[in-house]
Structure formats: structure tokens, C-alpha cells
């Protein structure tokens, strides 16, 4: 038996990795290499990498490490991830979901930089939203709400009128801190009590309402 929950918003703010783009294979390859270099258990590292910018993850894992080393590693890993698109595919339902958003207010809000977001969206065959908030756009990484607040501002909507789609603990916390409701995508999101939860985007149906609002129908 299925049940449908409908959330009404004026704009949607979309995380990229593991929300609309499945880049798990690349993320795991790159971070396993880094963990080995640092003598850290790779499985433990992979528990905390999602949602944040790389330097912020490194700072959380190695709090006494000089930040200049984190920033240098971050630049190196971004280059590695940008050139490695093997296994990058859309999350199930993402092509139809993005097609349904064409012409509706939405933005990408990602911890990736411009080059990496270009590479992954292209590899997944997904259209890039006109409004995009990337690592270059913010001074603080998720779970800080800055990215989502900037996305809302660029679209011209109040935070309360925006609905976030996120997969990670850091991203869900950032959406909440911005005063927004959050749809959790994937199993990782489920334990962080988002407003609504889906396995993937096949459980989402988008409806444009006559007053300009967006109805997001969530089927479980």
C-alpha cells in the first residue's frame, strides 16, 4: 500500500552528489587513496566525507593538521575527481525529475566547485540549472546554511518558501539551519529525520500549480 505526501514550495534547492548524481564510486576511490596516505581507516573516513567540501572533511578528521595542507589536498583531490567520471550516473528518476523542473525556480547547491559540478552533471547527462551555488560561491562549507541561503536569494524567494533535496547529514543540517524543509534522498539521509524521505527520485512527482507554486508529491 502506498501513501503520498505533498509539499508545497516556491523554489527547489538541489544538492548534487548522491541526490541527483550518483558519484559514489569516484568519491570512494579518491577518499580511500587519501585515507591510506594519512594512515586512517578508509571505512571510517567514508562515513564523514559526504556533503562537505573536502578541506572541511579533512579538518574534521585531523583537527590538528595545518589548514594549508588541507587546502592543498583539497585542490589535488578536486582535480582527481573532475578527471575521473567512471561510474558517474544519474540517481534513478533524476532525468525525469530535472525535466519536470524546466522553467520552474530551482538551483543547484553543491559543495563541488564549478569544474567538478560541470564534469559530473555532464557525465550523468543532466541539465545544469541556471542558478548554481558552488564551492566558489561560499565562505563556509555545509553544514553551514550559507549555500542554501544564497541559492534562495538568487532565485528571489524567502528561505521558508524553499524545499531542499539532500542526501547527507551535513546537507540536511544546512537546510534546516537555513529555515527550510528537507527531502532526504537515499538511505544515508533516512537517519537524520528529514521532512520527507525517499529511496530515490522515482518516488517524486513535480506539479506546477496555477499560482506559480510547486507541488512536490512524495510517494512511499
C-alpha atoms as a PDB file:
ATOM      1  CA  UNK A   1       0.000   0.000   0.000  1.00  0.00           C
ATOM      2  CA  UNK A   2       1.433   3.385  -0.985  1.00  0.00           C
ATOM      3  CA  UNK A   3       0.924   6.768   0.618  1.00  0.00           C
ATOM      4  CA  UNK A   4       1.590  10.184  -0.904  1.00  0.00           C
ATOM      5  CA  UNK A   5       2.711  13.307   0.941  1.00  0.00           C
ATOM      6  CA  UNK A   6       2.537  16.648  -0.858  1.00  0.00           C
ATOM      7  CA  UNK A   7       4.883  19.511  -0.012  1.00  0.00           C
ATOM      8  CA  UNK A   8       4.230  22.971  -1.475  1.00  0.00           C
ATOM      9  CA  UNK A   9       7.184  25.235  -2.240  1.00  0.00           C
ATOM     10  CA  UNK A  10       8.084  28.219  -4.396  1.00  0.00           C
ATOM     11  CA  UNK A  11      11.576  27.019  -5.278  1.00  0.00           C
ATOM     12  CA  UNK A  12      13.657  23.852  -5.012  1.00  0.00           C
ATOM     13  CA  UNK A  13      17.323  23.734  -3.958  1.00  0.00           C
ATOM     14  CA  UNK A  14      19.152  20.600  -5.066  1.00  0.00           C
ATOM     15  CA  UNK A  15      22.317  19.056  -3.754  1.00  0.00           C
ATOM     16  CA  UNK A  16      24.244  17.193  -6.478  1.00  0.00           C
ATOM     17  CA  UNK A  17      26.249  14.178  -5.308  1.00  0.00           C
ATOM     18  CA  UNK A  18      24.066  11.235  -4.243  1.00  0.00           C
ATOM     19  CA  UNK A  19      20.961  13.417  -4.589  1.00  0.00           C
ATOM     20  CA  UNK A  20      20.647  13.757  -8.365  1.00  0.00           C
ATOM     21  CA  UNK A  21      24.048  12.358  -9.449  1.00  0.00           C
ATOM     22  CA  UNK A  22      25.391   9.007  -8.265  1.00  0.00           C
ATOM     23  CA  UNK A  23      29.131   9.625  -7.922  1.00  0.00           C
ATOM     24  CA  UNK A  24      29.691   7.224  -5.041  1.00  0.00           C
ATOM     25  CA  UNK A  25      32.271   5.136  -6.927  1.00  0.00           C
ATOM     26  CA  UNK A  26      34.519   8.132  -7.654  1.00  0.00           C
ATOM     27  CA  UNK A  27      34.167   9.542  -4.144  1.00  0.00           C
ATOM     28  CA  UNK A  28      35.116   6.200  -2.644  1.00  0.00           C
ATOM     29  CA  UNK A  29      38.155   5.773  -4.910  1.00  0.00           C
ATOM     30  CA  UNK A  30      39.528   9.235  -4.175  1.00  0.00           C
ATOM     31  CA  UNK A  31      38.908   9.219  -0.446  1.00  0.00           C
ATOM     32  CA  UNK A  32      40.269   5.702   0.037  1.00  0.00           C
ATOM     33  CA  UNK A  33      43.523   6.893  -1.527  1.00  0.00           C
ATOM     34  CA  UNK A  34      43.637   9.913   0.767  1.00  0.00           C
ATOM     35  CA  UNK A  35      42.828   7.817   3.849  1.00  0.00           C
ATOM     36  CA  UNK A  36      45.675   5.434   3.009  1.00  0.00           C
ATOM     37  CA  UNK A  37      48.063   8.384   2.615  1.00  0.00           C
ATOM     38  CA  UNK A  38      47.071   9.664   6.057  1.00  0.00           C
ATOM     39  CA  UNK A  39      47.115   6.250   7.763  1.00  0.00           C
ATOM     40  CA  UNK A  40      43.385   6.466   8.538  1.00  0.00           C
ATOM     41  CA  UNK A  41      40.839   3.623   8.282  1.00  0.00           C
ATOM     42  CA  UNK A  42      39.164   4.223   4.923  1.00  0.00           C
ATOM     43  CA  UNK A  43      35.770   2.945   6.069  1.00  0.00           C
ATOM     44  CA  UNK A  44      35.753   5.463   8.924  1.00  0.00           C
ATOM     45  CA  UNK A  45      36.718   8.300   6.563  1.00  0.00           C
ATOM     46  CA  UNK A  46      33.930   7.397   4.145  1.00  0.00           C
ATOM     47  CA  UNK A  47      31.378   7.790   6.933  1.00  0.00           C
ATOM     48  CA  UNK A  48      32.020  11.549   7.144  1.00  0.00           C
ATOM     49  CA  UNK A  49      33.020  12.717   3.664  1.00  0.00           C
ATOM     50  CA  UNK A  50      29.550  13.283   2.224  1.00  0.00           C
ATOM     51  CA  UNK A  51      28.083  16.756   1.979  1.00  0.00           C
ATOM     52  CA  UNK A  52      31.091  18.834   2.986  1.00  0.00           C
ATOM     53  CA  UNK A  53      33.844  20.435   0.973  1.00  0.00           C
ATOM     54  CA  UNK A  54      36.956  18.279   1.070  1.00  0.00           C
ATOM     55  CA  UNK A  55      39.022  20.612   3.247  1.00  0.00           C
ATOM     56  CA  UNK A  56      36.235  20.682   5.837  1.00  0.00           C
ATOM     57  CA  UNK A  57      36.158  16.888   5.974  1.00  0.00           C
ATOM     58  CA  UNK A  58      39.939  16.799   6.413  1.00  0.00           C
ATOM     59  CA  UNK A  59      39.755  19.363   9.219  1.00  0.00           C
ATOM     60  CA  UNK A  60      37.100  17.280  10.986  1.00  0.00           C
ATOM     61  CA  UNK A  61      39.167  14.102  10.679  1.00  0.00           C
ATOM     62  CA  UNK A  62      42.556  15.666  11.504  1.00  0.00           C
ATOM     63  CA  UNK A  63      41.800  18.704  13.697  1.00  0.00           C
ATOM     64  CA  UNK A  64      45.469  19.410  14.467  1.00  0.00           C
ATOM     65  CA  UNK A  65      46.589  19.337  10.829  1.00  0.00           C
ATOM     66  CA  UNK A  66      47.607  22.713   9.350  1.00  0.00           C
ATOM     67  CA  UNK A  67      44.814  24.110   7.204  1.00  0.00           C
ATOM     68  CA  UNK A  68      47.202  24.905   4.341  1.00  0.00           C
ATOM     69  CA  UNK A  69      47.814  21.161   3.950  1.00  0.00           C
ATOM     70  CA  UNK A  70      44.066  20.517   3.877  1.00  0.00           C
ATOM     71  CA  UNK A  71      43.588  23.183   1.224  1.00  0.00           C
ATOM     72  CA  UNK A  72      46.414  21.765  -0.878  1.00  0.00           C
ATOM     73  CA  UNK A  73      44.985  18.250  -0.649  1.00  0.00           C
ATOM     74  CA  UNK A  74      41.547  19.632  -1.441  1.00  0.00           C
ATOM     75  CA  UNK A  75      42.823  21.178  -4.691  1.00  0.00           C
ATOM     76  CA  UNK A  76      44.606  17.965  -5.645  1.00  0.00           C
ATOM     77  CA  UNK A  77      41.548  15.810  -4.945  1.00  0.00           C
ATOM     78  CA  UNK A  78      39.206  18.129  -6.817  1.00  0.00           C
ATOM     79  CA  UNK A  79      41.417  17.720  -9.885  1.00  0.00           C
ATOM     80  CA  UNK A  80      41.379  13.938  -9.458  1.00  0.00           C
ATOM     81  CA  UNK A  81      37.608  13.808  -9.049  1.00  0.00           C
ATOM     82  CA  UNK A  82      36.997  16.129 -12.002  1.00  0.00           C
ATOM     83  CA  UNK A  83      39.028  13.918 -14.336  1.00  0.00           C
ATOM     84  CA  UNK A  84      37.502  10.675 -13.042  1.00  0.00           C
ATOM     85  CA  UNK A  85      33.915  10.231 -14.225  1.00  0.00           C
ATOM     86  CA  UNK A  86      33.922   6.434 -14.464  1.00  0.00           C
ATOM     87  CA  UNK A  87      30.721   5.149 -12.899  1.00  0.00           C
ATOM     88  CA  UNK A  88      29.080   8.579 -12.622  1.00  0.00           C
ATOM     89  CA  UNK A  89      25.391   8.104 -13.470  1.00  0.00           C
ATOM     90  CA  UNK A  90      22.108   9.812 -12.629  1.00  0.00           C
ATOM     91  CA  UNK A  91      20.306   8.779  -9.474  1.00  0.00           C
ATOM     92  CA  UNK A  92      17.231   6.734 -10.522  1.00  0.00           C
ATOM     93  CA  UNK A  93      14.461   9.124 -11.518  1.00  0.00           C
ATOM     94  CA  UNK A  94      16.783  12.132 -11.834  1.00  0.00           C
ATOM     95  CA  UNK A  95      16.373  12.674 -15.613  1.00  0.00           C
ATOM     96  CA  UNK A  96      12.588  12.876 -15.356  1.00  0.00           C
ATOM     97  CA  UNK A  97      12.811  14.939 -12.160  1.00  0.00           C
ATOM     98  CA  UNK A  98      15.120  17.507 -13.778  1.00  0.00           C
ATOM     99  CA  UNK A  99      12.995  17.610 -16.936  1.00  0.00           C
ATOM    100  CA  UNK A 100       9.942  18.360 -14.786  1.00  0.00           C
ATOM    101  CA  UNK A 101      11.766  21.315 -13.212  1.00  0.00           C
ATOM    102  CA  UNK A 102      12.496  23.003 -16.542  1.00  0.00           C
ATOM    103  CA  UNK A 103      11.053  26.506 -16.347  1.00  0.00           C
ATOM    104  CA  UNK A 104      10.414  26.266 -12.588  1.00  0.00           C
ATOM    105  CA  UNK A 105      12.520  28.038  -9.938  1.00  0.00           C
ATOM    106  CA  UNK A 106      15.332  25.727  -8.857  1.00  0.00           C
ATOM    107  CA  UNK A 107      19.053  25.861  -8.158  1.00  0.00           C
ATOM    108  CA  UNK A 108      21.973  23.524  -7.650  1.00  0.00           C
ATOM    109  CA  UNK A 109      23.627  23.988  -4.242  1.00  0.00           C
ATOM    110  CA  UNK A 110      26.708  21.792  -4.121  1.00  0.00           C
ATOM    111  CA  UNK A 111      29.963  21.509  -2.203  1.00  0.00           C
ATOM    112  CA  UNK A 112      31.682  20.745  -5.528  1.00  0.00           C
ATOM    113  CA  UNK A 113      33.413  23.520  -7.437  1.00  0.00           C
ATOM    114  CA  UNK A 114      32.390  24.714 -10.911  1.00  0.00           C
ATOM    115  CA  UNK A 115      34.647  22.328 -12.810  1.00  0.00           C
ATOM    116  CA  UNK A 116      33.610  19.263 -10.800  1.00  0.00           C
ATOM    117  CA  UNK A 117      29.906  20.065 -10.978  1.00  0.00           C
ATOM    118  CA  UNK A 118      30.226  20.572 -14.755  1.00  0.00           C
ATOM    119  CA  UNK A 119      32.002  17.222 -15.135  1.00  0.00           C
ATOM    120  CA  UNK A 120      29.539  15.245 -13.050  1.00  0.00           C
ATOM    121  CA  UNK A 121      26.334  16.771 -14.409  1.00  0.00           C
ATOM    122  CA  UNK A 122      27.613  16.201 -17.955  1.00  0.00           C
ATOM    123  CA  UNK A 123      28.676  12.627 -17.186  1.00  0.00           C
ATOM    124  CA  UNK A 124      25.233  11.928 -15.733  1.00  0.00           C
ATOM    125  CA  UNK A 125      23.524  13.568 -18.706  1.00  0.00           C
ATOM    126  CA  UNK A 126      21.605  16.042 -16.550  1.00  0.00           C
ATOM    127  CA  UNK A 127      20.880  19.695 -17.404  1.00  0.00           C
ATOM    128  CA  UNK A 128      22.685  22.290 -15.329  1.00  0.00           C
ATOM    129  CA  UNK A 129      20.282  24.644 -13.522  1.00  0.00           C
ATOM    130  CA  UNK A 130      20.616  28.289 -14.476  1.00  0.00           C
ATOM    131  CA  UNK A 131      21.310  29.170 -10.846  1.00  0.00           C
ATOM    132  CA  UNK A 132      24.236  27.286  -9.323  1.00  0.00           C
ATOM    133  CA  UNK A 133      25.866  27.737  -5.915  1.00  0.00           C
ATOM    134  CA  UNK A 134      29.267  26.009  -5.774  1.00  0.00           C
ATOM    135  CA  UNK A 135      32.324  25.941  -3.525  1.00  0.00           C
ATOM    136  CA  UNK A 136      33.460  29.210  -5.117  1.00  0.00           C
ATOM    137  CA  UNK A 137      30.205  30.906  -4.072  1.00  0.00           C
ATOM    138  CA  UNK A 138      30.518  30.463  -0.315  1.00  0.00           C
ATOM    139  CA  UNK A 139      32.919  31.129   2.535  1.00  0.00           C
ATOM    140  CA  UNK A 140      31.715  28.215   4.669  1.00  0.00           C
ATOM    141  CA  UNK A 141      31.003  24.557   3.888  1.00  0.00           C
ATOM    142  CA  UNK A 142      27.826  22.682   4.738  1.00  0.00           C
ATOM    143  CA  UNK A 143      26.531  22.196   7.451  1.00  0.00           C
ATOM    144  CA  UNK A 144      26.700  25.989   7.405  1.00  0.00           C
ATOM    145  CA  UNK A 145      23.490  27.252   5.731  1.00  0.00           C
ATOM    146  CA  UNK A 146      25.259  29.886   3.594  1.00  0.00           C
ATOM    147  CA  UNK A 147      24.923  27.965   0.317  1.00  0.00           C
ATOM    148  CA  UNK A 148      21.197  27.351   0.658  1.00  0.00           C
ATOM    149  CA  UNK A 149      20.549  30.924   1.774  1.00  0.00           C
ATOM    150  CA  UNK A 150      22.455  32.212  -1.269  1.00  0.00           C
ATOM    151  CA  UNK A 151      20.505  29.891  -3.544  1.00  0.00           C
ATOM    152  CA  UNK A 152      17.208  31.179  -2.176  1.00  0.00           C
ATOM    153  CA  UNK A 153      18.355  34.788  -2.510  1.00  0.00           C
ATOM    154  CA  UNK A 154      19.488  34.337  -6.123  1.00  0.00           C
ATOM    155  CA  UNK A 155      16.140  32.796  -7.002  1.00  0.00           C
ATOM    156  CA  UNK A 156      14.344  35.615  -5.188  1.00  0.00           C
ATOM    157  CA  UNK A 157      12.482  33.579  -2.567  1.00  0.00           C
ATOM    158  CA  UNK A 158      12.337  33.543   1.218  1.00  0.00           C
ATOM    159  CA  UNK A 159      14.039  30.545   2.849  1.00  0.00           C
ATOM    160  CA  UNK A 160      10.731  29.256   4.192  1.00  0.00           C
ATOM    161  CA  UNK A 161       9.410  29.050   0.619  1.00  0.00           C
ATOM    162  CA  UNK A 162      12.272  26.774  -0.494  1.00  0.00           C
ATOM    163  CA  UNK A 163      12.454  22.993  -0.348  1.00  0.00           C
ATOM    164  CA  UNK A 164      15.867  21.314  -0.162  1.00  0.00           C
ATOM    165  CA  UNK A 165      16.789  17.916  -1.631  1.00  0.00           C
ATOM    166  CA  UNK A 166      19.767  16.372   0.200  1.00  0.00           C
ATOM    167  CA  UNK A 167      21.412  13.029   0.968  1.00  0.00           C
ATOM    168  CA  UNK A 168      23.907  13.777   3.752  1.00  0.00           C
ATOM    169  CA  UNK A 169      23.888  14.667   7.426  1.00  0.00           C
ATOM    170  CA  UNK A 170      25.809  17.888   6.724  1.00  0.00           C
ATOM    171  CA  UNK A 171      23.440  18.878   3.915  1.00  0.00           C
ATOM    172  CA  UNK A 172      20.285  18.153   5.882  1.00  0.00           C
ATOM    173  CA  UNK A 173      21.652  20.145   8.820  1.00  0.00           C
ATOM    174  CA  UNK A 174      22.478  23.031   6.459  1.00  0.00           C
ATOM    175  CA  UNK A 175      18.965  23.038   5.023  1.00  0.00           C
ATOM    176  CA  UNK A 176      17.411  23.045   8.465  1.00  0.00           C
ATOM    177  CA  UNK A 177      19.741  25.811   9.654  1.00  0.00           C
ATOM    178  CA  UNK A 178      18.596  27.866   6.654  1.00  0.00           C
ATOM    179  CA  UNK A 179      14.990  27.517   7.843  1.00  0.00           C
ATOM    180  CA  UNK A 180      13.989  25.203   5.008  1.00  0.00           C
ATOM    181  CA  UNK A 181      12.211  21.875   4.786  1.00  0.00           C
ATOM    182  CA  UNK A 182      14.298  18.982   3.506  1.00  0.00           C
ATOM    183  CA  UNK A 183      13.523  15.942   1.370  1.00  0.00           C
ATOM    184  CA  UNK A 184      16.080  13.258   2.188  1.00  0.00           C
ATOM    185  CA  UNK A 185      17.258  11.171  -0.757  1.00  0.00           C
ATOM    186  CA  UNK A 186      18.750   7.713  -0.180  1.00  0.00           C
ATOM    187  CA  UNK A 187      19.350   5.506   2.820  1.00  0.00           C
ATOM    188  CA  UNK A 188      22.044   7.756   4.305  1.00  0.00           C
ATOM    189  CA  UNK A 189      19.545  10.580   4.728  1.00  0.00           C
ATOM    190  CA  UNK A 190      16.913   8.491   6.489  1.00  0.00           C
ATOM    191  CA  UNK A 191      18.579   8.501   9.912  1.00  0.00           C
ATOM    192  CA  UNK A 192      18.675  12.315  10.050  1.00  0.00           C
ATOM    193  CA  UNK A 193      14.898  12.802  10.164  1.00  0.00           C
ATOM    194  CA  UNK A 194      14.302  14.944   7.063  1.00  0.00           C
ATOM    195  CA  UNK A 195      10.847  16.399   6.447  1.00  0.00           C
ATOM    196  CA  UNK A 196      10.213  13.606   3.935  1.00  0.00           C
ATOM    197  CA  UNK A 197      12.323  10.651   2.835  1.00  0.00           C
ATOM    198  CA  UNK A 198      12.648   8.812  -0.483  1.00  0.00           C
ATOM    199  CA  UNK A 199      14.829   5.951  -1.682  1.00  0.00           C
ATOM    200  CA  UNK A 200      15.456   7.810  -4.947  1.00  0.00           C
ATOM    201  CA  UNK A 201      13.796  10.327  -7.250  1.00  0.00           C
ATOM    202  CA  UNK A 202      11.432   7.798  -8.827  1.00  0.00           C
ATOM    203  CA  UNK A 203       9.296   8.480  -5.741  1.00  0.00           C
ATOM    204  CA  UNK A 204       8.961  12.198  -6.568  1.00  0.00           C
ATOM    205  CA  UNK A 205       6.411  13.801  -8.886  1.00  0.00           C
ATOM    206  CA  UNK A 206       6.584  17.530  -9.651  1.00  0.00           C
ATOM    207  CA  UNK A 207       3.452  19.566 -10.389  1.00  0.00           C
ATOM    208  CA  UNK A 208       3.453  23.226 -11.386  1.00  0.00           C
ATOM    209  CA  UNK A 209       0.487  24.947  -9.725  1.00  0.00           C
ATOM    210  CA  UNK A 210      -1.513  27.787 -11.314  1.00  0.00           C
ATOM    211  CA  UNK A 211      -0.296  30.337  -8.729  1.00  0.00           C
ATOM    212  CA  UNK A 212       3.337  29.638  -9.538  1.00  0.00           C
ATOM    213  CA  UNK A 213       3.978  27.346  -6.617  1.00  0.00           C
ATOM    214  CA  UNK A 214       5.427  23.865  -6.973  1.00  0.00           C
ATOM    215  CA  UNK A 215       3.725  20.780  -5.579  1.00  0.00           C
ATOM    216  CA  UNK A 216       6.190  18.032  -4.729  1.00  0.00           C
ATOM    217  CA  UNK A 217       4.347  14.731  -4.429  1.00  0.00           C
ATOM    218  CA  UNK A 218       6.326  12.176  -2.402  1.00  0.00           C
ATOM    219  CA  UNK A 219       5.196   8.551  -2.706  1.00  0.00           C
ATOM    220  CA  UNK A 220       6.243   5.949  -0.149  1.00  0.00           C
END
